[in-house]
Amino acid sequence: MKRTTNHPTLTSNLFRMKNLFKTSFKFLAVAGALLFFNTGCQPQTQAEEGEARPTLVRTEQVANQTIENYLDFTGSVQAYEQAHIGAAQPARIERILVDVGDMVSQGQLLVEMDQTQLRQLRVQYQTLKNDLTRLDTLRRIGAATQQSFDQLKAQYDITKANLDNLVRLTEIRATIPGVITGRYNSPGELFSMTPSPAGKPAIVSIMQIRPVKITINVSERFFPQVRRGLSARVTSDLFPGRNFAGRIDKIYPTIDRVTGTFQVEVVVENADMALRPGMFTRVSVNLGQIEALLVPALAVMKQVGSNERFVFVEENGVAHRKSVLVGRNIDDMQEILSGIEPGQNLVVAGQHNLIHLGKVQIQN
């Protein structure tokens, strides 16, 4: 049998092919890794380049402006005065001379209570008056003593005082001019001094609506500027285009520490009684000219989930977020009370794409 042996040349070729295969595999592995690295890193580099790119914005320089210092409020019309009229003690109602809607003047007779005692006392008073007149004649001719005259005169004075007081108790008169807004009893009923639907013991209620008043709440920062007699303009949606002239009549001396406001009463003469209690109105008070920091309202943004207001200002190509305290809205402008200063460059366009300390590029 012939024995087979390995050929030296064949063995060497096989060894070289094996080494070449290993080298090629390593090359392919390295090339794949480089390709994967380049593929994975390329988007990140582009994202980083995008973040570094400045945001286009438009700015305006902040400056103070002279404006008419109008304060605008809302409020409801109230009666200038209100009175709930009743008797001073329980008694039967004899007559009610007015009804809801009637206009009354101050001192006008509204209600007559039971006058039985009043009629008796009037008879007694008249008798004493006649007796006093006769006794005075006798005293003058010496037929009666001064002492007897003085005693009868004292009795007469006491009866007259009681009569006057009883008249006030039985004849109920209007304490203010106005309109009858409530009537809670009928003739013949007993007035028992219990609270009426108005919340107080009363037979009728009166509201004075010429003039009327409107109570408004003013921020404490205007306390030094608000003074009695300042003019005010009042409008109502029920009378489009009509302005009612008013004036500040009363300033409450204390400030509510919860709301930071104080109350002011504006009085309107209301000669034609167009304004009625309960009407919704708008009140504008002019405090004169002031310097105010006004910016476009669109430049002021609100932090989601809070009441914080903020703006962006540009400094050396960088956006800076500034929290601001806002005041009134005047047309399309917003008053800024604090947070930014005159002379700063306020971002008025493109601010919604900004972040704090982000780079910006100013557009013309």
Protein backbone atom coordinates (compact mmCIF):
# COMPACT_ATOMS: atom_id res chain seq x y z
CA MET A 1 0.00 0.00 0.00
CA LYS A 2 1.26 3.48 -0.95
CA ARG A 3 1.47 6.02 1.89
CA THR A 4 0.22 9.57 1.27
CA THR A 5 2.31 12.49 2.57
CA ASN A 6 1.60 16.31 2.83
CA HIS A 7 3.16 18.42 0.17
CA PRO A 8 5.31 21.23 1.58
CA THR A 9 4.04 23.86 -0.92
CA LEU A 10 0.38 23.09 -0.33
CA THR A 11 0.81 23.39 3.40
CA SER A 12 2.48 26.79 3.09
CA ASN A 13 -0.31 28.13 0.84
CA LEU A 14 -2.95 27.03 3.26
CA PHE A 15 -1.15 28.78 6.12
CA ARG A 16 -0.91 32.04 4.16
CA MET A 17 -4.61 31.92 3.22
CA LYS A 18 -5.55 31.44 6.88
CA ASN A 19 -3.54 34.51 7.94
CA LEU A 20 -5.04 36.57 5.12
CA PHE A 21 -8.57 35.61 6.21
CA LYS A 22 -7.86 36.69 9.78
CA THR A 23 -6.42 40.01 8.57
CA SER A 24 -9.42 40.68 6.32
CA PHE A 25 -11.87 39.90 9.12
CA LYS A 26 -10.12 42.36 11.44
CA PHE A 27 -10.18 45.02 8.72
CA LEU A 28 -13.89 44.51 8.10
CA ALA A 29 -14.61 44.68 11.84
CA VAL A 30 -12.67 47.93 12.20
CA ALA A 31 -14.34 49.41 9.10
CA GLY A 32 -17.79 48.46 10.38
CA ALA A 33 -17.11 50.02 13.73
CA LEU A 34 -15.93 53.23 12.11
CA LEU A 35 -19.03 53.29 9.89
CA PHE A 36 -21.31 52.74 12.89
CA PHE A 37 -19.53 55.46 14.84
CA ASN A 38 -19.82 57.97 12.00
CA THR A 39 -23.46 57.07 11.38
CA GLY A 40 -24.42 57.41 15.06
CA CYS A 41 -22.53 60.63 15.69
CA GLN A 42 -23.56 62.58 12.63
CA PRO A 43 -27.14 63.53 13.85
CA GLN A 44 -25.79 64.52 17.25
CA THR A 45 -23.28 66.87 15.63
CA GLN A 46 -26.01 68.40 13.52
CA ALA A 47 -28.24 68.82 16.60
CA GLU A 48 -25.41 70.52 18.43
CA GLU A 49 -24.85 72.80 15.48
CA GLY A 50 -28.62 73.60 15.43
CA GLU A 51 -28.66 74.51 19.14
CA ALA A 52 -25.75 76.83 18.69
CA ARG A 53 -27.44 78.67 15.85
CA PRO A 54 -28.77 82.11 17.05
CA THR A 55 -32.55 82.72 17.15
CA LEU A 56 -33.80 85.57 14.98
CA VAL A 57 -35.60 88.22 17.06
CA ARG A 58 -36.74 91.82 16.86
CA THR A 59 -36.17 94.24 19.73
CA GLU A 60 -37.33 97.66 20.91
CA GLN A 61 -35.65 99.91 23.42
CA VAL A 62 -37.73 100.36 26.56
CA ALA A 63 -38.58 103.96 27.46
CA ASN A 64 -40.92 105.84 29.81
CA GLN A 65 -43.94 107.53 28.25
CA THR A 66 -46.17 110.38 29.43
CA ILE A 67 -49.77 109.21 29.57
CA GLU A 68 -53.10 110.30 31.01
CA ASN A 69 -53.42 108.38 34.24
CA TYR A 70 -56.91 106.93 33.82
CA LEU A 71 -57.99 104.30 36.31
CA ASP A 72 -60.73 102.01 35.03
CA PHE A 73 -63.06 100.08 37.34
CA THR A 74 -66.33 98.22 37.29
CA GLY A 75 -69.09 98.53 39.84
CA SER A 76 -72.81 98.41 40.48
CA VAL A 77 -75.07 101.39 41.04
CA GLN A 78 -76.24 101.80 44.63
CA ALA A 79 -78.78 104.09 46.24
CA TYR A 80 -77.15 107.18 47.68
CA GLU A 81 -79.07 106.51 50.87
CA GLN A 82 -81.55 103.87 51.96
CA ALA A 83 -84.05 103.95 54.80
CA HIS A 84 -86.33 101.29 56.25
CA ILE A 85 -89.27 103.12 57.83
CA GLY A 86 -91.34 101.67 60.69
CA ALA A 87 -92.99 102.65 63.95
CA ALA A 88 -91.05 103.09 67.19
CA GLN A 89 -93.28 100.62 69.04
CA PRO A 90 -95.77 97.84 68.20
CA ALA A 91 -99.12 99.24 67.07
CA ARG A 92 -101.93 98.68 64.61
CA ILE A 93 -101.46 100.22 61.17
CA GLU A 94 -104.35 102.52 60.33
CA ARG A 95 -103.36 103.77 56.85
CA ILE A 96 -100.50 103.36 54.36
CA LEU A 97 -100.44 106.32 52.01
CA VAL A 98 -97.77 105.16 49.52
CA ASP A 99 -96.96 102.13 47.37
CA VAL A 100 -93.94 100.65 45.62
CA GLY A 101 -92.63 102.96 42.89
CA ASP A 102 -94.02 106.19 44.38
CA MET A 103 -91.65 109.14 44.59
CA VAL A 104 -91.66 110.80 48.01
CA SER A 105 -90.07 113.91 49.47
CA GLN A 106 -88.37 114.26 52.81
CA GLY A 107 -90.93 114.76 55.59
CA GLN A 108 -93.86 113.42 53.55
CA LEU A 109 -96.48 111.44 55.50
CA LEU A 110 -96.20 107.73 54.64
CA VAL A 111 -98.07 105.74 57.30
CA GLU A 112 -100.63 106.50 60.03
CA MET A 113 -100.68 104.19 63.04
CA ASP A 114 -103.64 103.69 65.39
CA GLN A 115 -104.65 107.21 66.49
CA THR A 116 -107.09 106.42 69.32
CA GLN A 117 -104.74 107.72 72.03
CA LEU A 118 -103.73 110.64 69.83
CA ARG A 119 -107.32 111.82 69.44
CA GLN A 120 -107.91 111.59 73.20
CA LEU A 121 -104.77 113.52 73.97
CA ARG A 122 -105.67 116.21 71.44
CA VAL A 123 -109.01 116.74 73.20
CA GLN A 124 -107.23 116.97 76.56
CA TYR A 125 -104.67 119.37 75.13
CA GLN A 126 -107.33 121.61 73.62
CA THR A 127 -109.24 121.71 76.93
CA LEU A 128 -106.10 122.71 78.84
CA LYS A 129 -105.32 125.35 76.26
CA ASN A 130 -108.77 126.93 76.63
CA ASP A 131 -108.56 126.78 80.45
CA LEU A 132 -105.13 128.39 80.40
CA THR A 133 -106.41 131.24 78.21
CA ARG A 134 -109.30 131.97 80.58
CA LEU A 135 -107.09 131.74 83.67
CA ASP A 136 -104.59 134.15 82.13
CA THR A 137 -107.41 136.69 81.64
CA LEU A 138 -108.49 136.31 85.27
CA ARG A 139 -104.90 136.65 86.44
CA ARG A 140 -104.53 139.92 84.55
CA ILE A 141 -107.55 141.47 86.37
CA GLY A 142 -106.50 140.03 89.71
CA ALA A 143 -109.22 137.37 89.92
CA ALA A 144 -106.73 134.47 89.85
CA THR A 145 -103.38 133.96 91.52
CA GLN A 146 -100.08 133.60 89.74
CA GLN A 147 -99.54 130.26 91.45
CA SER A 148 -102.70 128.72 90.01
CA PHE A 149 -101.76 130.01 86.58
CA ASP A 150 -98.24 128.51 86.81
CA GLN A 151 -99.61 125.11 87.86
CA LEU A 152 -102.03 124.99 84.94
CA LYS A 153 -99.31 126.21 82.58
CA ALA A 154 -96.99 123.36 83.64
CA GLN A 155 -99.78 120.83 83.08
CA TYR A 156 -100.41 122.36 79.65
CA ASP A 157 -96.70 122.16 78.68
CA ILE A 158 -96.47 118.49 79.69
CA THR A 159 -99.58 117.61 77.70
CA LYS A 160 -98.27 119.47 74.65
CA ALA A 161 -94.94 117.60 74.83
CA ASN A 162 -96.77 114.26 75.11
CA LEU A 163 -98.96 115.22 72.17
CA ASP A 164 -96.00 116.12 69.99
CA ASN A 165 -94.28 112.85 70.86
CA LEU A 166 -97.41 110.81 70.15
CA VAL A 167 -97.79 112.54 66.78
CA ARG A 168 -94.27 111.42 65.88
CA LEU A 169 -95.11 107.86 66.90
CA THR A 170 -98.38 107.64 64.98
CA GLU A 171 -97.54 109.70 61.88
CA ILE A 172 -94.61 107.99 60.07
CA ARG A 173 -92.86 110.36 57.68
CA ALA A 174 -90.07 109.97 55.10
CA THR A 175 -86.62 110.64 56.48
CA ILE A 176 -85.04 110.99 52.99
CA PRO A 177 -86.32 111.85 49.50
CA GLY A 178 -86.50 108.96 47.07
CA VAL A 179 -88.63 106.15 45.70
CA ILE A 180 -90.57 103.53 47.62
CA THR A 181 -88.86 100.19 46.96
CA GLY A 182 -90.72 97.97 49.41
CA ARG A 183 -94.06 97.77 51.22
CA TYR A 184 -94.38 94.97 53.76
CA ASN A 185 -97.76 95.48 55.48
CA SER A 186 -101.36 96.39 54.79
CA PRO A 187 -103.77 98.69 56.68
CA GLY A 188 -105.28 97.02 59.72
CA GLU A 189 -102.29 94.76 60.39
CA LEU A 190 -100.32 94.86 63.61
CA PHE A 191 -96.79 96.15 63.25
CA SER A 192 -94.93 93.82 65.63
CA MET A 193 -91.31 95.09 65.20
CA THR A 194 -90.21 91.78 63.62
CA PRO A 195 -87.70 91.99 60.72
CA SER A 196 -89.25 92.53 57.30
CA PRO A 197 -87.92 90.99 54.02
CA ALA A 198 -85.51 93.95 54.00
CA GLY A 199 -83.85 92.47 57.09
CA LYS A 200 -84.99 95.21 59.48
CA PRO A 201 -88.29 96.09 61.16
CA ALA A 202 -90.02 98.23 58.54
CA ILE A 203 -93.37 99.00 56.98
CA VAL A 204 -91.89 100.58 53.84
CA SER A 205 -88.39 101.08 52.39
CA ILE A 206 -87.07 104.15 50.56
CA MET A 207 -84.06 104.47 48.25
CA GLN A 208 -82.60 107.84 47.29
CA ILE A 209 -81.65 107.49 43.60
CA ARG A 210 -81.08 111.15 42.81
CA PRO A 211 -78.10 111.12 43.20
CA VAL A 212 -76.71 107.56 43.16
CA LYS A 213 -73.30 106.22 44.17
CA ILE A 214 -70.90 103.57 42.88
CA THR A 215 -68.32 101.96 45.18
CA ILE A 216 -64.99 100.99 43.59
CA ASN A 217 -61.85 99.34 44.98
CA VAL A 218 -58.63 101.22 44.18
CA SER A 219 -55.09 99.84 44.51
CA GLU A 220 -53.22 101.17 47.53
CA ARG A 221 -50.42 102.58 45.32
CA PHE A 222 -52.84 105.28 44.15
CA PHE A 223 -53.87 106.31 47.67
CA PRO A 224 -51.75 109.52 47.70
CA GLN A 225 -53.22 110.61 44.33
CA VAL A 226 -56.91 109.98 44.91
CA ARG A 227 -58.69 112.95 46.46
CA ARG A 228 -62.24 114.06 47.08
CA GLY A 229 -63.80 116.00 44.21
CA LEU A 230 -61.88 114.32 41.35
CA SER A 231 -64.06 113.92 38.28
CA ALA A 232 -65.09 110.50 36.99
CA ARG A 233 -66.76 109.21 33.83
CA VAL A 234 -69.44 106.54 34.21
CA THR A 235 -70.83 104.44 31.34
CA SER A 236 -73.39 101.66 31.11
CA ASP A 237 -74.06 99.09 28.39
CA LEU A 238 -77.75 100.00 28.66
CA PHE A 239 -76.99 103.50 27.33
CA PRO A 240 -74.41 103.11 24.52
CA GLY A 241 -72.46 106.29 23.77
CA ARG A 242 -73.68 108.13 26.85
CA ASN A 243 -71.32 109.35 29.57
CA PHE A 244 -72.55 110.17 33.06
CA ALA A 245 -70.56 112.80 34.95
CA GLY A 246 -69.50 111.78 38.43
CA ARG A 247 -67.12 112.83 41.17
CA ILE A 248 -65.29 111.18 44.04
CA ASP A 249 -67.37 111.92 47.14
CA LYS A 250 -65.95 109.65 49.82
CA ILE A 251 -62.57 107.96 50.41
CA TYR A 252 -62.42 105.22 53.00
CA PRO A 253 -59.39 105.73 55.30
CA THR A 254 -58.33 102.08 55.68
CA ILE A 255 -56.67 99.63 53.26
CA ASP A 256 -57.72 96.00 53.02
CA ARG A 257 -54.52 94.05 53.72
CA VAL A 258 -55.84 90.97 51.88
CA THR A 259 -56.63 92.71 48.56
CA GLY A 260 -54.32 95.73 48.95
CA THR A 261 -57.15 98.10 47.99
CA PHE A 262 -59.21 100.87 49.56
CA GLN A 263 -62.82 101.83 48.84
CA VAL A 264 -63.89 104.98 47.04
CA GLU A 265 -67.45 106.21 46.47
CA VAL A 266 -68.24 107.94 43.17
CA VAL A 267 -71.42 110.02 43.13
CA VAL A 268 -73.49 110.66 39.98
CA GLU A 269 -76.23 113.32 40.13
CA ASN A 270 -78.58 111.15 38.00
CA ALA A 271 -80.99 114.02 37.35
CA ASP A 272 -83.18 111.98 34.98
CA MET A 273 -82.88 108.86 37.15
CA ALA A 274 -81.58 106.81 34.21
CA LEU A 275 -79.21 104.90 36.48
CA ARG A 276 -80.94 102.53 38.87
CA PRO A 277 -79.59 100.50 41.79
CA GLY A 278 -78.13 97.19 40.65
CA MET A 279 -77.05 98.35 37.17
CA PHE A 280 -73.56 97.29 36.03
CA THR A 281 -71.33 100.26 35.15
CA ARG A 282 -67.76 101.13 34.20
CA VAL A 283 -66.03 103.98 36.00
CA SER A 284 -62.98 105.88 34.70
CA VAL A 285 -61.13 108.27 37.01
CA ASN A 286 -58.47 110.66 35.63
CA LEU A 287 -55.59 111.28 38.04
CA GLY A 288 -53.68 113.52 35.61
CA GLN A 289 -50.51 112.86 33.60
CA ILE A 290 -47.81 110.43 34.77
CA GLU A 291 -44.63 108.78 33.50
CA ALA A 292 -45.18 105.06 32.86
CA LEU A 293 -43.13 102.21 31.41
CA LEU A 294 -45.25 100.75 28.58
CA VAL A 295 -44.29 97.79 26.40
CA PRO A 296 -46.18 95.88 23.69
CA ALA A 297 -48.58 93.49 25.43
CA LEU A 298 -47.49 90.63 23.11
CA ALA A 299 -43.95 90.84 24.52
CA VAL A 300 -45.19 89.87 27.99
CA MET A 301 -45.59 86.11 28.49
CA LYS A 302 -47.12 84.06 31.29
CA GLN A 303 -45.52 81.07 32.97
CA VAL A 304 -47.76 78.05 32.49
CA GLY A 305 -49.35 76.93 35.75
CA SER A 306 -48.64 80.16 37.62
CA ASN A 307 -49.37 83.89 37.57
CA GLU A 308 -45.75 84.82 36.85
CA ARG A 309 -45.25 87.23 33.95
CA PHE A 310 -41.90 87.48 32.19
CA VAL A 311 -40.15 89.05 29.20
CA PHE A 312 -36.83 88.60 27.37
CA VAL A 313 -34.27 91.36 27.02
CA GLU A 314 -31.25 91.21 24.71
CA GLU A 315 -27.80 91.95 26.06
CA ASN A 316 -24.69 91.42 23.88
CA GLY A 317 -26.43 88.91 21.63
CA VAL A 318 -27.81 86.85 24.54
CA ALA A 319 -31.44 86.59 25.70
CA HIS A 320 -32.09 87.16 29.41
CA ARG A 321 -35.40 86.16 30.96
CA LYS A 322 -36.79 88.79 33.36
CA SER A 323 -39.75 88.34 35.71
CA VAL A 324 -41.92 91.48 35.70
CA LEU A 325 -44.74 92.96 37.75
CA VAL A 326 -47.47 94.21 35.42
CA GLY A 327 -49.96 97.03 35.89
CA ARG A 328 -52.75 98.16 33.61
CA ASN A 329 -53.54 97.32 30.02
CA ILE A 330 -53.72 100.48 27.89
CA ASP A 331 -54.95 99.62 24.38
CA ASP A 332 -52.34 97.15 23.03
CA MET A 333 -49.69 98.17 25.58
CA GLN A 334 -48.90 96.72 29.00
CA GLU A 335 -47.70 98.79 31.95
CA ILE A 336 -44.61 97.38 33.66
CA LEU A 337 -44.23 98.28 37.32
CA SER A 338 -40.93 96.51 37.99
CA GLY A 339 -38.54 93.95 36.53
CA ILE A 340 -36.98 95.91 33.63
CA GLU A 341 -35.53 99.39 33.26
CA PRO A 342 -35.69 102.12 30.58
CA GLY A 343 -32.94 101.71 27.97
CA GLN A 344 -32.97 97.91 27.87
CA ASN A 345 -33.57 96.09 24.56
CA LEU A 346 -36.87 94.25 24.89
CA VAL A 347 -37.52 91.28 22.58
CA VAL A 348 -40.88 91.98 20.89
CA ALA A 349 -40.82 89.27 18.18
CA GLY A 350 -39.42 85.75 18.31
CA GLN A 351 -39.57 85.60 22.10
CA HIS A 352 -41.59 82.37 22.10
CA ASN A 353 -38.58 80.49 20.68
CA LEU A 354 -36.14 81.72 23.31
CA ILE A 355 -34.60 80.19 26.38
CA HIS A 356 -32.70 81.93 29.14
CA LEU A 357 -29.13 82.79 28.03
CA GLY A 358 -29.86 81.61 24.47
CA LYS A 359 -28.03 83.32 21.62
CA VAL A 360 -30.04 85.73 19.49
CA GLN A 361 -29.62 87.56 16.22
CA ILE A 362 -31.46 90.87 15.86
CA GLN A 363 -33.51 91.45 12.71
CA ASN A 364 -34.02 94.91 11.29
